[in-house]
Amino acid sequence: MEHHDSEHEQHVKASLFANLVDTIEVGIFAVDRSMKVALWNRYMAVHSGRREEDVCGRNLFELFPELPRAWLERKIESVFILKNYAFTSWEQRPFLFRFPHNRPVTGGVGEMRQNTAFIPLKNEGGEVDYVYATVFDYTDTAIFQQRLKDTIAELEQKKAEQQQLIHKLEEAHNQLLQSEKLAAIGQLAAGVAHEINNPIGFVHSNFGSLERYVNDLFRLIDGYCGAEGSLPAPLAQQIEAIKQQIDYHFLKDDIPALIAESVEGLSRVRRIVQDLRDFSRIDTTDWQFADLHQCLDSTLNVVNNEIRYKAEVVKQYGQLPQVECRASQLNQVFLNLLVNAAQAIPAKGTITVRTGCDETHAWVEIADDGSGIPAANLKRIFEPFFTTKPVGKGTGLGLSVTYSIIQKHHGRIDVSSEEGRGTTFRIWLPIRQAAEDETAAAA
């Protein structure tokens, strides 16, 4: 009875196992060492289009010549020899069998992506009689992973684009800050110049009056000196002693000279103040015709203290017409180039300012005989924040702002340099701006 139950249980288990193998949504087949098929479940039959009875007992490669024979033979043979489990992933080998995959989720993938496991079936003696192969459909996972990779790559690209955009925004922000700072400095300079101009005006006027008064007093004193002979001797001696004590004859010669020097000093201050006002030009931000020589002279006076200890300035001005421009912006360009030229001279040198024109353009050239620019840096000098100066000595925005201003004037800037011999910048500016640019500026 027990023996009968045992046989029944084994029969049930075998039936259940066979049913499981045949209904599971995994491809299962088995081959012997000669590659003859011993098992072919329903999944394999449905996807391959070959029934179990048409496959079993026949050579696997005769049935499916498209299989990667050399690789698959080595794989299965290794399981027979090593008696150990083997596995291959769809990422390494996308598929073993070219089964179609037509689920809606695939989005157009034509062939099933497969994970394949190779399992040894050993007999009682421990030898491998058959090798089972399980074929798992990983197409959906492969699609999702590819989509995930594509999404990550797209996000990385967008991140890189955002970083570039952030960098450009930072550059624009810093240039805007620099422009605002320059505008504030210009406005401050104009305000200070205006405030200084008022007291200088009345002091200059007062000196004119003082000169007349002093001359009148000296004429009066000279009249008294002519009457010294008629004065009593003690009084005449007393007056002579005072004249000797105060060195009257020296004062008479020196006071007019002092007044003349003071008036000249005030005139120089007035010219400097006027140059500051011309340099800032806060009230002339629109396109206007300007004298570039006047712009250069006012800028040279403003930066005189920066240059005079480093270089002698040589002017070689040609004939220039009035140029349509924003003069305050060009003053900033000239200032940047002149200061850079002075800083490029290690000890004492020369800065040469030349001008000229052709039929349509005026040009301004600023040359120095300083240390020059290395060829490797020459292509980068107009980049924002690029500087070869020590930390804290330069922002790297001067030439970038210069380049931007020249571009806005629809001009160009050429540079030539030789290490140890100096650098030359030449600015070309259209004498007159195009009509559409004036309209755009007015809008």
Protein backbone atom coordinates (compact mmCIF):
# COMPACT_ATOMS: atom_id res chain seq x y z
CA MET A 1 0.00 0.00 0.00
CA GLU A 2 2.79 2.42 0.96
CA HIS A 3 4.67 1.52 -2.21
CA HIS A 4 1.52 2.24 -4.22
CA ASP A 5 1.12 5.68 -2.53
CA SER A 6 4.76 6.49 -3.19
CA GLU A 7 4.41 5.74 -6.88
CA HIS A 8 1.23 7.81 -6.97
CA GLU A 9 2.94 10.77 -5.29
CA GLN A 10 5.86 10.58 -7.68
CA HIS A 11 3.45 10.48 -10.60
CA VAL A 12 1.61 13.56 -9.24
CA LYS A 13 4.88 15.42 -8.69
CA ALA A 14 6.07 14.55 -12.19
CA SER A 15 2.76 15.67 -13.62
CA LEU A 16 2.86 18.93 -11.65
CA PHE A 17 6.47 19.55 -12.70
CA ALA A 18 5.67 18.84 -16.36
CA ASN A 19 2.65 21.15 -16.18
CA LEU A 20 4.76 23.89 -14.56
CA VAL A 21 7.50 23.57 -17.17
CA ASP A 22 4.93 23.74 -19.92
CA THR A 23 2.89 26.70 -18.63
CA ILE A 24 5.53 28.96 -17.11
CA GLU A 25 6.25 32.15 -19.07
CA VAL A 26 9.90 31.22 -19.44
CA GLY A 27 11.47 29.34 -22.32
CA ILE A 28 12.91 25.99 -21.22
CA PHE A 29 14.72 23.46 -23.38
CA ALA A 30 17.28 20.72 -22.75
CA VAL A 31 19.99 19.17 -24.93
CA ASP A 32 22.33 16.23 -24.54
CA ARG A 33 26.04 16.36 -25.28
CA SER A 34 25.46 15.83 -29.00
CA MET A 35 23.15 18.86 -29.02
CA LYS A 36 20.00 16.82 -29.60
CA VAL A 37 16.91 18.44 -28.08
CA ALA A 38 15.40 16.44 -25.18
CA LEU A 39 12.91 18.99 -23.85
CA TRP A 40 11.01 21.84 -25.52
CA ASN A 41 8.31 23.57 -23.48
CA ARG A 42 5.24 25.37 -24.73
CA TYR A 43 6.87 28.85 -24.43
CA MET A 44 9.65 27.77 -26.79
CA ALA A 45 7.11 26.20 -29.15
CA VAL A 46 4.92 29.31 -29.27
CA HIS A 47 7.79 31.77 -29.84
CA SER A 48 9.81 29.62 -32.23
CA GLY A 49 6.81 28.35 -34.21
CA ARG A 50 8.09 24.73 -33.86
CA ARG A 51 6.12 22.10 -31.92
CA GLU A 52 7.74 19.90 -29.31
CA GLU A 53 7.21 16.74 -31.40
CA ASP A 54 8.91 18.42 -34.37
CA VAL A 55 11.95 19.43 -32.31
CA CYS A 56 12.73 16.70 -29.78
CA GLY A 57 15.36 14.22 -30.90
CA ARG A 58 16.79 16.54 -33.55
CA ASN A 59 20.01 18.59 -33.52
CA LEU A 60 19.50 22.10 -32.16
CA PHE A 61 21.68 23.77 -34.80
CA GLU A 62 20.00 21.99 -37.69
CA LEU A 63 16.68 23.34 -36.47
CA PHE A 64 18.02 26.85 -35.82
CA PRO A 65 21.03 27.55 -38.05
CA GLU A 66 20.87 31.22 -37.11
CA LEU A 67 22.03 30.44 -33.55
CA PRO A 68 25.57 31.57 -32.60
CA ARG A 69 26.85 28.01 -32.92
CA ALA A 70 30.51 28.40 -31.94
CA TRP A 71 29.70 30.44 -28.85
CA LEU A 72 26.71 28.30 -27.76
CA GLU A 73 28.62 25.02 -28.21
CA ARG A 74 31.46 26.32 -26.03
CA LYS A 75 28.99 27.52 -23.42
CA ILE A 76 27.05 24.24 -23.18
CA GLU A 77 30.21 22.11 -23.36
CA SER A 78 31.69 24.07 -20.44
CA VAL A 79 28.61 23.14 -18.35
CA PHE A 80 29.07 19.44 -19.24
CA ILE A 81 32.75 19.59 -18.33
CA LEU A 82 32.66 21.82 -15.25
CA LYS A 83 29.28 20.47 -14.09
CA ASN A 84 28.42 24.00 -13.04
CA TYR A 85 25.79 26.62 -13.72
CA ALA A 86 26.44 29.25 -16.45
CA PHE A 87 24.67 32.47 -17.33
CA THR A 88 24.61 35.18 -20.00
CA SER A 89 22.89 38.56 -19.78
CA TRP A 90 21.04 40.47 -22.49
CA GLU A 91 23.49 43.36 -21.90
CA GLN A 92 26.37 41.09 -23.00
CA ARG A 93 24.46 39.17 -25.67
CA PRO A 94 21.08 40.74 -26.48
CA PHE A 95 19.41 37.48 -27.53
CA LEU A 96 20.00 33.79 -28.12
CA PHE A 97 16.90 33.04 -30.20
CA ARG A 98 15.56 35.70 -32.55
CA PHE A 99 12.06 35.65 -31.07
CA PRO A 100 9.73 38.51 -32.02
CA HIS A 101 8.56 40.76 -29.24
CA ASN A 102 5.25 42.43 -29.97
CA ARG A 103 3.90 43.65 -26.65
CA PRO A 104 2.53 47.20 -26.71
CA VAL A 105 5.02 48.39 -24.08
CA THR A 106 8.00 47.68 -26.32
CA GLY A 107 7.54 50.73 -28.46
CA GLY A 108 8.83 49.12 -31.65
CA VAL A 109 11.61 46.76 -30.53
CA GLY A 110 11.65 43.94 -33.06
CA GLU A 111 13.52 41.19 -31.23
CA MET A 112 13.21 39.88 -27.72
CA ARG A 113 16.04 40.72 -25.31
CA GLN A 114 16.90 37.57 -23.35
CA ASN A 115 18.71 36.45 -20.22
CA THR A 116 19.78 32.82 -20.58
CA ALA A 117 20.83 30.38 -17.85
CA PHE A 118 22.45 26.97 -18.48
CA ILE A 119 21.85 24.38 -15.75
CA PRO A 120 23.46 20.90 -15.55
CA LEU A 121 21.16 17.89 -14.97
CA LYS A 122 23.24 15.24 -13.24
CA ASN A 123 22.57 11.49 -12.91
CA GLU A 124 23.05 9.39 -9.76
CA GLY A 125 26.75 9.07 -10.53
CA GLY A 126 27.20 12.83 -10.62
CA GLU A 127 27.73 13.01 -14.35
CA VAL A 128 25.87 15.53 -16.49
CA ASP A 129 23.36 13.89 -18.83
CA TYR A 130 21.62 17.00 -20.05
CA VAL A 131 21.95 20.77 -19.89
CA TYR A 132 18.82 22.75 -19.31
CA ALA A 133 18.58 26.27 -20.76
CA THR A 134 16.11 28.86 -19.49
CA VAL A 135 15.29 31.83 -21.70
CA PHE A 136 13.89 34.86 -19.81
CA ASP A 137 12.25 37.76 -21.68
CA TYR A 138 13.97 40.98 -20.47
CA THR A 139 12.83 43.19 -23.34
CA ASP A 140 10.69 45.53 -21.24
CA THR A 141 13.48 45.93 -18.71
CA ALA A 142 15.96 46.57 -21.53
CA ILE A 143 13.66 49.22 -23.02
CA PHE A 144 13.15 50.92 -19.68
CA GLN A 145 16.88 50.84 -18.94
CA GLN A 146 17.67 52.31 -22.34
CA ARG A 147 15.07 54.98 -21.80
CA LEU A 148 16.57 55.65 -18.38
CA LYS A 149 20.05 55.94 -19.92
CA ASP A 150 18.70 58.24 -22.61
CA THR A 151 16.93 60.34 -19.97
CA ILE A 152 20.08 60.51 -17.84
CA ALA A 153 22.15 61.48 -20.89
CA GLU A 154 19.57 64.13 -21.80
CA LEU A 155 19.60 65.44 -18.23
CA GLU A 156 23.40 65.52 -18.26
CA GLN A 157 23.32 67.46 -21.53
CA LYS A 158 20.74 69.88 -20.13
CA LYS A 159 22.83 70.20 -16.99
CA ALA A 160 25.89 71.05 -19.10
CA GLU A 161 23.82 73.55 -21.10
CA GLN A 162 22.53 75.07 -17.86
CA GLN A 163 26.10 75.32 -16.54
CA GLN A 164 27.10 77.14 -19.72
CA LEU A 165 24.08 79.39 -19.39
CA ILE A 166 24.88 80.07 -15.72
CA HIS A 167 28.46 80.88 -16.71
CA LYS A 168 27.25 83.28 -19.41
CA LEU A 169 24.81 84.85 -16.96
CA GLU A 170 27.64 85.29 -14.46
CA GLU A 171 29.74 86.95 -17.16
CA ALA A 172 26.86 89.20 -18.16
CA HIS A 173 26.14 89.98 -14.50
CA ASN A 174 29.76 90.89 -13.83
CA GLN A 175 29.93 93.01 -16.95
CA LEU A 176 26.70 94.71 -15.90
CA LEU A 177 28.15 95.36 -12.45
CA GLN A 178 31.29 96.73 -14.08
CA SER A 179 29.21 98.97 -16.34
CA GLU A 180 27.10 100.13 -13.40
CA LYS A 181 30.25 100.77 -11.39
CA LEU A 182 31.77 102.76 -14.23
CA ALA A 183 28.54 104.70 -14.64
CA ALA A 184 28.48 105.43 -10.89
CA ILE A 185 32.13 106.51 -10.97
CA GLY A 186 31.43 108.70 -13.99
CA GLN A 187 28.42 110.24 -12.27
CA LEU A 188 30.45 110.79 -9.11
CA ALA A 189 33.29 112.34 -11.14
CA ALA A 190 30.84 114.65 -12.90
CA GLY A 191 29.26 115.63 -9.59
CA VAL A 192 32.62 116.25 -7.94
CA ALA A 193 33.82 118.20 -10.98
CA HIS A 194 30.70 120.36 -10.82
CA GLU A 195 31.14 120.99 -7.09
CA ILE A 196 34.83 121.82 -7.50
CA ASN A 197 34.13 124.07 -10.45
CA ASN A 198 32.01 126.49 -8.37
CA PRO A 199 34.62 127.39 -5.71
CA ILE A 200 37.37 127.42 -8.34
CA GLY A 201 35.32 129.94 -10.30
CA PHE A 202 35.02 132.47 -7.48
CA VAL A 203 38.59 131.86 -6.24
CA HIS A 204 39.85 132.53 -9.77
CA SER A 205 37.72 135.67 -9.90
CA ASN A 206 38.97 136.75 -6.46
CA PHE A 207 42.58 136.31 -7.57
CA GLY A 208 41.91 138.67 -10.48
CA SER A 209 40.54 141.25 -8.05
CA LEU A 210 43.40 140.61 -5.61
CA GLU A 211 45.96 141.23 -8.35
CA ARG A 212 44.39 144.60 -9.15
CA TYR A 213 44.21 145.55 -5.46
CA VAL A 214 47.85 144.60 -4.87
CA ASN A 215 48.95 146.61 -7.89
CA ASP A 216 46.99 149.57 -6.58
CA LEU A 217 48.58 149.22 -3.13
CA PHE A 218 52.06 149.07 -4.63
CA ARG A 219 51.31 152.24 -6.61
CA LEU A 220 50.19 153.90 -3.39
CA ILE A 221 53.30 152.72 -1.53
CA ASP A 222 55.50 153.91 -4.38
CA GLY A 223 53.81 157.33 -4.06
CA TYR A 224 54.66 157.45 -0.38
CA CYS A 225 58.24 156.33 -1.14
CA GLY A 226 58.55 159.35 -3.46
CA ALA A 227 57.77 161.61 -0.52
CA GLU A 228 60.37 160.10 1.85
CA GLY A 229 62.75 163.08 1.32
CA SER A 230 60.28 165.50 2.90
CA LEU A 231 59.70 163.38 6.00
CA PRO A 232 61.44 164.10 9.32
CA ALA A 233 64.68 162.12 9.64
CA PRO A 234 63.52 159.88 12.55
CA LEU A 235 60.31 158.90 10.66
CA ALA A 236 62.21 158.30 7.42
CA GLN A 237 64.70 156.09 9.25
CA GLN A 238 61.84 154.15 10.87
CA ILE A 239 60.18 153.51 7.48
CA GLU A 240 63.48 152.44 5.94
CA ALA A 241 64.06 149.99 8.82
CA ILE A 242 60.62 148.44 8.21
CA LYS A 243 61.36 148.12 4.46
CA GLN A 244 64.64 146.40 5.28
CA GLN A 245 62.95 144.11 7.81
CA ILE A 246 60.22 142.93 5.43
CA ASP A 247 62.48 142.94 2.35
CA TYR A 248 60.13 145.27 0.54
CA HIS A 249 61.87 145.16 -2.83
CA PHE A 250 61.69 141.31 -2.86
CA LEU A 251 58.00 141.36 -1.92
CA LYS A 252 57.29 143.85 -4.67
CA ASP A 253 58.79 141.49 -7.24
CA ASP A 254 57.56 138.19 -5.71
CA ILE A 255 53.91 138.94 -4.91
CA PRO A 256 52.87 139.47 -8.58
CA ALA A 257 54.76 136.28 -9.49
CA LEU A 258 52.96 134.34 -6.74
CA ILE A 259 49.61 135.64 -7.93
CA ALA A 260 50.41 134.75 -11.54
CA GLU A 261 51.49 131.21 -10.52
CA SER A 262 48.34 130.78 -8.44
CA VAL A 263 46.15 131.92 -11.33
CA GLU A 264 47.96 129.46 -13.62
CA GLY A 265 47.46 126.68 -11.02
CA LEU A 266 43.75 127.47 -10.83
CA SER A 267 43.53 127.40 -14.62
CA ARG A 268 45.14 123.94 -14.63
CA VAL A 269 42.67 122.74 -12.00
CA ARG A 270 39.82 124.11 -14.09
CA ARG A 271 41.16 122.21 -17.15
CA ILE A 272 41.40 118.99 -15.10
CA VAL A 273 37.86 119.47 -13.83
CA GLN A 274 36.67 120.11 -17.36
CA ASP A 275 38.48 116.97 -18.51
CA LEU A 276 36.73 115.00 -15.76
CA ARG A 277 33.39 116.32 -16.95
CA ASP A 278 34.26 115.57 -20.56
CA PHE A 279 35.48 112.10 -19.59
CA SER A 280 32.33 111.18 -17.70
CA ARG A 281 29.84 112.82 -20.12
CA ILE A 282 26.91 111.62 -18.01
CA ASP A 283 24.56 113.93 -19.89
CA THR A 284 25.54 112.61 -23.35
CA THR A 285 24.78 108.87 -23.43
CA ASP A 286 23.11 108.98 -26.88
CA TRP A 287 24.87 108.83 -30.22
CA GLN A 288 26.55 112.17 -30.88
CA PHE A 289 29.36 113.48 -33.02
CA ALA A 290 32.51 113.94 -30.97
CA ASP A 291 36.15 114.96 -31.40
CA LEU A 292 38.24 111.85 -30.67
CA HIS A 293 41.32 114.00 -30.07
CA GLN A 294 39.47 115.83 -27.32
CA CYS A 295 38.36 112.47 -25.88
CA LEU A 296 41.97 111.24 -25.90
CA ASP A 297 43.32 114.44 -24.32
CA SER A 298 40.75 114.46 -21.52
CA THR A 299 41.39 110.78 -20.83
CA LEU A 300 45.16 111.33 -20.80
CA ASN A 301 44.71 114.11 -18.24
CA VAL A 302 42.50 111.89 -16.07
CA VAL A 303 45.03 109.01 -16.09
CA ASN A 304 48.09 111.25 -15.98
CA ASN A 305 48.98 110.18 -12.44
CA GLU A 306 48.85 106.51 -13.50
CA ILE A 307 51.10 107.05 -16.52
CA ARG A 308 53.58 109.82 -15.79
CA TYR A 309 55.83 107.72 -13.54
CA LYS A 310 55.99 104.86 -16.05
CA ALA A 311 55.98 106.33 -19.53
CA GLU A 312 56.32 109.35 -21.74
CA VAL A 313 53.26 109.87 -23.90
CA VAL A 314 53.96 110.73 -27.55
CA LYS A 315 51.03 112.06 -29.57
CA GLN A 316 51.02 111.54 -33.32
CA TYR A 317 47.58 112.85 -34.22
CA GLY A 318 46.38 112.84 -37.81
CA GLN A 319 43.42 114.67 -39.34
CA LEU A 320 40.14 113.27 -37.99
CA PRO A 321 36.54 114.21 -38.73
CA GLN A 322 33.90 114.29 -36.01
CA VAL A 323 32.90 110.67 -35.25
CA GLU A 324 29.39 109.54 -34.33
CA CYS A 325 29.77 107.68 -31.05
CA ARG A 326 28.99 107.49 -27.36
CA ALA A 327 31.95 109.51 -26.17
CA SER A 328 31.86 108.45 -22.51
CA GLN A 329 32.11 104.78 -23.55
CA LEU A 330 35.03 105.50 -25.87
CA ASN A 331 36.72 107.38 -23.03
CA GLN A 332 36.45 104.16 -21.00
CA VAL A 333 38.06 102.24 -23.89
CA PHE A 334 40.94 104.71 -24.11
CA LEU A 335 41.39 104.62 -20.33
CA ASN A 336 41.55 100.80 -20.26
CA LEU A 337 44.12 100.67 -23.07
CA LEU A 338 46.28 103.47 -21.64
CA VAL A 339 46.33 101.97 -18.14
CA ASN A 340 47.13 98.52 -19.56
CA ALA A 341 49.93 100.05 -21.63
CA ALA A 342 51.43 101.73 -18.56
CA GLN A 343 51.18 98.55 -16.50
CA ALA A 344 52.90 96.56 -19.27
CA ILE A 345 56.01 98.75 -19.01
CA PRO A 346 58.31 97.31 -16.32
CA ALA A 347 60.42 100.41 -15.62
CA LYS A 348 60.28 103.47 -17.89
CA GLY A 349 59.08 103.54 -21.46
CA THR A 350 57.01 105.22 -24.13
CA ILE A 351 53.32 105.13 -24.99
CA THR A 352 52.53 106.35 -28.49
CA VAL A 353 49.02 107.51 -29.41
CA ARG A 354 48.34 107.74 -33.15
CA THR A 355 45.19 108.59 -35.08
CA GLY A 356 44.09 108.54 -38.69
CA CYS A 357 41.18 107.73 -40.97
CA ASP A 358 40.04 106.52 -44.35
CA GLU A 359 36.82 107.33 -46.19
CA THR A 360 34.48 105.49 -43.83
CA HIS A 361 36.42 104.78 -40.62
CA ALA A 362 38.56 106.58 -38.09
CA TRP A 363 41.24 104.72 -36.19
CA VAL A 364 43.03 105.23 -32.88
CA GLU A 365 46.23 103.35 -32.11
CA ILE A 366 47.78 102.98 -28.64
CA ALA A 367 51.22 101.36 -28.63
CA ASP A 368 53.66 100.65 -25.81
CA ASP A 369 57.22 99.32 -25.69
CA GLY A 370 56.52 97.12 -22.66
CA SER A 371 56.86 93.41 -22.00
CA GLY A 372 54.39 92.29 -24.70
CA ILE A 373 51.80 89.50 -24.63
CA PRO A 374 52.76 85.80 -25.02
CA ALA A 375 51.37 84.24 -28.20
CA ALA A 376 49.47 81.64 -26.14
CA ASN A 377 47.54 84.41 -24.35
CA LEU A 378 46.95 86.65 -27.36
CA LYS A 379 43.79 84.77 -28.40
CA ARG A 380 42.31 84.98 -24.90
CA ILE A 381 42.89 88.60 -23.88
CA PHE A 382 39.30 89.65 -24.70
CA GLU A 383 37.75 86.79 -22.69
CA PRO A 384 35.89 87.91 -19.53
CA PHE A 385 37.92 87.35 -16.33
CA PHE A 386 41.09 86.35 -18.19
CA THR A 387 44.05 88.11 -16.61
CA THR A 388 47.76 87.46 -16.16
CA LYS A 389 48.03 89.94 -13.32
CA PRO A 390 48.52 88.74 -9.72
CA VAL A 391 45.44 88.05 -7.57
CA GLY A 392 43.88 91.33 -6.50
CA LYS A 393 45.60 93.35 -9.24
CA GLY A 394 43.10 92.87 -12.04
CA THR A 395 39.54 91.70 -12.70
CA GLY A 396 40.09 90.48 -16.25
CA LEU A 397 37.16 92.64 -17.39
CA GLY A 398 38.98 95.70 -18.83
CA LEU A 399 39.65 94.34 -22.31
CA SER A 400 36.37 92.39 -22.32
CA VAL A 401 34.45 95.62 -21.66
CA THR A 402 36.62 97.37 -24.27
CA TYR A 403 35.79 94.70 -26.88
CA SER A 404 32.07 94.89 -26.03
CA ILE A 405 32.01 98.70 -26.40
CA ILE A 406 33.80 98.57 -29.76
CA GLN A 407 31.35 95.92 -30.98
CA LYS A 408 28.42 98.13 -29.93
CA HIS A 409 30.00 100.89 -32.03
CA HIS A 410 30.12 98.44 -34.97
CA GLY A 411 33.89 98.76 -35.08
CA ARG A 412 36.74 96.36 -34.56
CA ILE A 413 39.91 96.16 -32.50
CA ASP A 414 43.17 94.74 -33.82
CA VAL A 415 46.10 93.75 -31.64
CA SER A 416 49.69 92.85 -32.41
CA SER A 417 52.33 92.03 -29.84
CA GLU A 418 55.83 90.70 -29.50
CA GLU A 419 57.26 89.54 -26.21
CA GLY A 420 59.89 91.93 -24.91
CA ARG A 421 59.09 94.59 -27.54
CA GLY A 422 55.59 95.80 -26.76
CA THR A 423 51.95 95.74 -27.84
CA THR A 424 49.85 97.78 -30.24
CA PHE A 425 46.06 98.07 -30.13
CA ARG A 426 44.29 99.72 -33.08
CA ILE A 427 40.60 100.62 -32.84
CA TRP A 428 38.56 101.13 -36.02
CA LEU A 429 35.32 103.10 -35.68
CA PRO A 430 32.76 103.97 -38.37
CA ILE A 431 32.65 107.74 -38.83
CA ARG A 432 28.87 107.55 -39.03
CA GLN A 433 26.57 104.88 -37.61
CA ALA A 434 24.03 103.16 -39.88
CA ALA A 435 20.53 104.66 -39.85
CA GLU A 436 18.90 101.49 -38.49
CA ASP A 437 21.35 101.46 -35.57
CA GLU A 438 20.40 105.04 -34.68
CA THR A 439 16.72 104.06 -34.80
CA ALA A 440 17.34 101.03 -32.60
CA ALA A 441 19.32 103.12 -30.14
CA ALA A 442 16.53 105.72 -29.97
CA ALA A 443 13.92 103.00 -29.39
